[in-house]
Amino acid sequence: MKFHTEYLWFNTKNHREYVRITDKVEEAVKKSGIRDGMVLVSAMHITAGVVVNDNEPGIWRDIDKWLENLAPQRADYEHHHTGESNADSHLKNILVHHQVIVPVTDGKLDLGPWQQVFYCEFDGQRRKRVIVKVMGE
């Protein structure tokens, strides 16, 4: 079994932002030389996430509204007593999770017809990273 690791770095302009990273993940798979296996894509921060979904702007506006409704940005979180102000970002991370595993078949991501990989930033405007770990034969 072979392994290949890359890191993707992000410093978003907005507090919340959704970045399509499918091409970067595909590049890592290609560099790895792996034909069959899987790729783990994981945000290395507790206020960001990685998801697989449609690359359609309307669904991302819907997702953003849904997340904000479930975990609104507000001042009364207990976490804010520590001097932080990003409790909603931690909660949004729990809702979308921090990682995905995508199958690799014949050297390519084996995604459904509308599936794409996205980095989800919930506490942006500072440098963060994602690990891309390709594993297989």
C-alpha atoms as a PDB file:
ATOM      1  CA  MET A   1       0.000   0.000   0.000  1.00  0.00           C
ATOM      2  CA  LYS A   2       1.203   3.514  -0.847  1.00  0.00           C
ATOM      3  CA  PHE A   3       0.485   6.778   0.941  1.00  0.00           C
ATOM      4  CA  HIS A   4       0.731  10.377  -0.245  1.00  0.00           C
ATOM      5  CA  THR A   5       0.118  13.494   1.884  1.00  0.00           C
ATOM      6  CA  GLU A   6      -0.459  17.100   0.865  1.00  0.00           C
ATOM      7  CA  TYR A   7      -1.645  20.165   2.740  1.00  0.00           C
ATOM      8  CA  LEU A   8      -3.958  22.820   1.347  1.00  0.00           C
ATOM      9  CA  TRP A   9      -3.789  26.258   2.931  1.00  0.00           C
ATOM     10  CA  PHE A  10      -6.648  28.747   3.138  1.00  0.00           C
ATOM     11  CA  ASN A  11      -7.018  32.332   4.292  1.00  0.00           C
ATOM     12  CA  THR A  12     -10.546  33.279   3.311  1.00  0.00           C
ATOM     13  CA  LYS A  13     -11.694  36.852   2.824  1.00  0.00           C
ATOM     14  CA  ASN A  14     -15.009  36.204   4.589  1.00  0.00           C
ATOM     15  CA  HIS A  15     -15.938  34.936   8.044  1.00  0.00           C
ATOM     16  CA  ARG A  16     -17.950  32.098   6.430  1.00  0.00           C
ATOM     17  CA  GLU A  17     -16.969  30.779   3.031  1.00  0.00           C
ATOM     18  CA  TYR A  18     -17.384  27.592   1.007  1.00  0.00           C
ATOM     19  CA  VAL A  19     -14.497  26.727  -1.324  1.00  0.00           C
ATOM     20  CA  ARG A  20     -14.657  24.004  -3.993  1.00  0.00           C
ATOM     21  CA  ILE A  21     -11.444  21.956  -3.675  1.00  0.00           C
ATOM     22  CA  THR A  22     -12.241  18.955  -5.897  1.00  0.00           C
ATOM     23  CA  ASP A  23      -9.527  19.853  -8.432  1.00  0.00           C
ATOM     24  CA  LYS A  24      -6.856  20.145  -5.721  1.00  0.00           C
ATOM     25  CA  VAL A  25      -7.867  16.771  -4.259  1.00  0.00           C
ATOM     26  CA  GLU A  26      -7.766  15.236  -7.760  1.00  0.00           C
ATOM     27  CA  GLU A  27      -4.264  16.686  -8.262  1.00  0.00           C
ATOM     28  CA  ALA A  28      -3.087  15.020  -5.048  1.00  0.00           C
ATOM     29  CA  VAL A  29      -4.540  11.683  -6.200  1.00  0.00           C
ATOM     30  CA  LYS A  30      -2.768  12.036  -9.553  1.00  0.00           C
ATOM     31  CA  LYS A  31       0.575  12.873  -7.883  1.00  0.00           C
ATOM     32  CA  SER A  32       0.216   9.850  -5.605  1.00  0.00           C
ATOM     33  CA  GLY A  33       0.170   7.387  -8.503  1.00  0.00           C
ATOM     34  CA  ILE A  34      -2.489   5.355  -6.690  1.00  0.00           C
ATOM     35  CA  ARG A  35      -4.987   3.576  -8.949  1.00  0.00           C
ATOM     36  CA  ASP A  36      -7.383   2.157  -6.341  1.00  0.00           C
ATOM     37  CA  GLY A  37      -7.906   3.219  -2.758  1.00  0.00           C
ATOM     38  CA  MET A  38      -9.254   6.248  -0.964  1.00  0.00           C
ATOM     39  CA  VAL A  39      -8.456   9.819  -0.101  1.00  0.00           C
ATOM     40  CA  LEU A  40      -9.106  11.393   3.286  1.00  0.00           C
ATOM     41  CA  VAL A  41      -9.711  15.141   3.189  1.00  0.00           C
ATOM     42  CA  SER A  42      -9.741  16.668   6.664  1.00  0.00           C
ATOM     43  CA  ALA A  43      -9.865  20.218   8.010  1.00  0.00           C
ATOM     44  CA  MET A  44      -7.204  20.602  10.677  1.00  0.00           C
ATOM     45  CA  HIS A  45      -9.153  23.244  12.591  1.00  0.00           C
ATOM     46  CA  ILE A  46     -12.177  23.023  14.880  1.00  0.00           C
ATOM     47  CA  THR A  47     -13.964  25.916  13.191  1.00  0.00           C
ATOM     48  CA  ALA A  48     -13.873  24.537   9.631  1.00  0.00           C
ATOM     49  CA  GLY A  49     -15.157  21.466   7.850  1.00  0.00           C
ATOM     50  CA  VAL A  50     -15.014  19.419   4.657  1.00  0.00           C
ATOM     51  CA  VAL A  51     -18.095  18.132   2.844  1.00  0.00           C
ATOM     52  CA  VAL A  52     -19.203  16.531  -0.402  1.00  0.00           C
ATOM     53  CA  ASN A  53     -22.141  18.249  -2.079  1.00  0.00           C
ATOM     54  CA  ASP A  54     -23.397  19.877  -5.279  1.00  0.00           C
ATOM     55  CA  ASN A  55     -21.499  22.789  -6.862  1.00  0.00           C
ATOM     56  CA  GLU A  56     -24.641  24.878  -7.246  1.00  0.00           C
ATOM     57  CA  PRO A  57     -24.747  28.379  -5.708  1.00  0.00           C
ATOM     58  CA  GLY A  58     -28.375  28.112  -4.551  1.00  0.00           C
ATOM     59  CA  ILE A  59     -27.747  25.014  -2.450  1.00  0.00           C
ATOM     60  CA  TRP A  60     -24.754  26.731  -0.817  1.00  0.00           C
ATOM     61  CA  ARG A  61     -26.878  29.752   0.086  1.00  0.00           C
ATOM     62  CA  ASP A  62     -29.441  27.297   1.508  1.00  0.00           C
ATOM     63  CA  ILE A  63     -26.761  25.404   3.452  1.00  0.00           C
ATOM     64  CA  ASP A  64     -25.345  28.653   4.835  1.00  0.00           C
ATOM     65  CA  LYS A  65     -28.806  29.837   5.942  1.00  0.00           C
ATOM     66  CA  TRP A  66     -29.563  26.427   7.489  1.00  0.00           C
ATOM     67  CA  LEU A  67     -26.274  26.375   9.426  1.00  0.00           C
ATOM     68  CA  GLU A  68     -26.775  29.960  10.606  1.00  0.00           C
ATOM     69  CA  ASN A  69     -30.308  29.078  11.741  1.00  0.00           C
ATOM     70  CA  LEU A  70     -29.102  26.025  13.703  1.00  0.00           C
ATOM     71  CA  ALA A  71     -25.973  27.694  15.134  1.00  0.00           C
ATOM     72  CA  PRO A  72     -26.464  31.465  14.887  1.00  0.00           C
ATOM     73  CA  GLN A  73     -23.669  33.929  15.472  1.00  0.00           C
ATOM     74  CA  ARG A  74     -24.609  35.571  18.771  1.00  0.00           C
ATOM     75  CA  ALA A  75     -23.026  36.866  21.972  1.00  0.00           C
ATOM     76  CA  ASP A  76     -24.521  34.618  24.682  1.00  0.00           C
ATOM     77  CA  TYR A  77     -22.555  31.366  24.207  1.00  0.00           C
ATOM     78  CA  GLU A  78     -20.694  30.013  27.266  1.00  0.00           C
ATOM     79  CA  HIS A  79     -17.566  29.635  25.121  1.00  0.00           C
ATOM     80  CA  HIS A  80     -17.396  33.419  24.794  1.00  0.00           C
ATOM     81  CA  HIS A  81     -16.616  33.709  28.516  1.00  0.00           C
ATOM     82  CA  THR A  82     -13.128  32.397  27.653  1.00  0.00           C
ATOM     83  CA  GLY A  83     -12.421  35.480  25.535  1.00  0.00           C
ATOM     84  CA  GLU A  84     -13.289  33.786  22.262  1.00  0.00           C
ATOM     85  CA  SER A  85     -16.191  34.894  20.059  1.00  0.00           C
ATOM     86  CA  ASN A  86     -16.514  31.933  17.683  1.00  0.00           C
ATOM     87  CA  ALA A  87     -18.759  29.402  19.460  1.00  0.00           C
ATOM     88  CA  ASP A  88     -21.123  29.320  16.487  1.00  0.00           C
ATOM     89  CA  SER A  89     -18.190  28.303  14.276  1.00  0.00           C
ATOM     90  CA  HIS A  90     -17.445  25.314  16.523  1.00  0.00           C
ATOM     91  CA  LEU A  91     -21.097  24.269  16.381  1.00  0.00           C
ATOM     92  CA  LYS A  92     -21.223  24.590  12.578  1.00  0.00           C
ATOM     93  CA  ASN A  93     -18.144  22.327  12.401  1.00  0.00           C
ATOM     94  CA  ILE A  94     -20.021  19.649  14.339  1.00  0.00           C
ATOM     95  CA  LEU A  95     -22.964  19.903  11.944  1.00  0.00           C
ATOM     96  CA  VAL A  96     -20.923  19.425   8.741  1.00  0.00           C
ATOM     97  CA  HIS A  97     -18.068  17.364  10.252  1.00  0.00           C
ATOM     98  CA  HIS A  98     -14.390  17.967   9.688  1.00  0.00           C
ATOM     99  CA  GLN A  99     -13.560  15.298   7.093  1.00  0.00           C
ATOM    100  CA  VAL A 100     -14.679  13.118   4.222  1.00  0.00           C
ATOM    101  CA  ILE A 101     -13.351   9.941   2.623  1.00  0.00           C
ATOM    102  CA  VAL A 102     -13.685   9.684  -1.157  1.00  0.00           C
ATOM    103  CA  PRO A 103     -13.035   6.445  -3.083  1.00  0.00           C
ATOM    104  CA  VAL A 104     -10.363   6.370  -5.775  1.00  0.00           C
ATOM    105  CA  THR A 105     -10.963   4.074  -8.761  1.00  0.00           C
ATOM    106  CA  ASP A 106      -8.699   3.831 -11.809  1.00  0.00           C
ATOM    107  CA  GLY A 107      -6.632   6.742 -10.502  1.00  0.00           C
ATOM    108  CA  LYS A 108      -9.554   9.181 -10.225  1.00  0.00           C
ATOM    109  CA  LEU A 109     -11.974  10.364  -7.563  1.00  0.00           C
ATOM    110  CA  ASP A 110     -15.031   8.118  -7.746  1.00  0.00           C
ATOM    111  CA  LEU A 111     -17.698  10.763  -7.119  1.00  0.00           C
ATOM    112  CA  GLY A 112     -21.319  10.772  -8.213  1.00  0.00           C
ATOM    113  CA  PRO A 113     -22.363  12.981 -11.145  1.00  0.00           C
ATOM    114  CA  TRP A 114     -23.031  16.096  -9.051  1.00  0.00           C
ATOM    115  CA  GLN A 115     -20.676  15.504  -6.138  1.00  0.00           C
ATOM    116  CA  GLN A 116     -17.795  17.894  -5.428  1.00  0.00           C
ATOM    117  CA  VAL A 117     -15.493  18.341  -2.420  1.00  0.00           C
ATOM    118  CA  PHE A 118     -15.719  21.614  -0.473  1.00  0.00           C
ATOM    119  CA  TYR A 119     -13.766  23.292   2.298  1.00  0.00           C
ATOM    120  CA  CYS A 120     -16.198  25.028   4.677  1.00  0.00           C
ATOM    121  CA  GLU A 121     -14.808  27.977   6.612  1.00  0.00           C
ATOM    122  CA  PHE A 122     -16.791  29.191   9.626  1.00  0.00           C
ATOM    123  CA  ASP A 123     -14.254  31.482  11.334  1.00  0.00           C
ATOM    124  CA  GLY A 124     -12.219  32.853   8.461  1.00  0.00           C
ATOM    125  CA  GLN A 125      -9.830  35.639   7.694  1.00  0.00           C
ATOM    126  CA  ARG A 126      -6.881  33.762   9.117  1.00  0.00           C
ATOM    127  CA  ARG A 127      -4.605  30.998   7.841  1.00  0.00           C
ATOM    128  CA  LYS A 128      -5.859  27.412   8.136  1.00  0.00           C
ATOM    129  CA  ARG A 129      -5.047  24.088   6.505  1.00  0.00           C
ATOM    130  CA  VAL A 130      -6.564  20.876   5.237  1.00  0.00           C
ATOM    131  CA  ILE A 131      -4.755  17.539   5.022  1.00  0.00           C
ATOM    132  CA  VAL A 132      -5.232  15.397   1.915  1.00  0.00           C
ATOM    133  CA  LYS A 133      -4.098  11.811   2.624  1.00  0.00           C
ATOM    134  CA  VAL A 134      -4.238   9.434  -0.373  1.00  0.00           C
ATOM    135  CA  MET A 135      -4.010   5.707   0.421  1.00  0.00           C
ATOM    136  CA  GLY A 136      -4.087   2.708  -1.884  1.00  0.00           C
ATOM    137  CA  GLU A 137      -2.392   0.584  -4.492  1.00  0.00           C
END
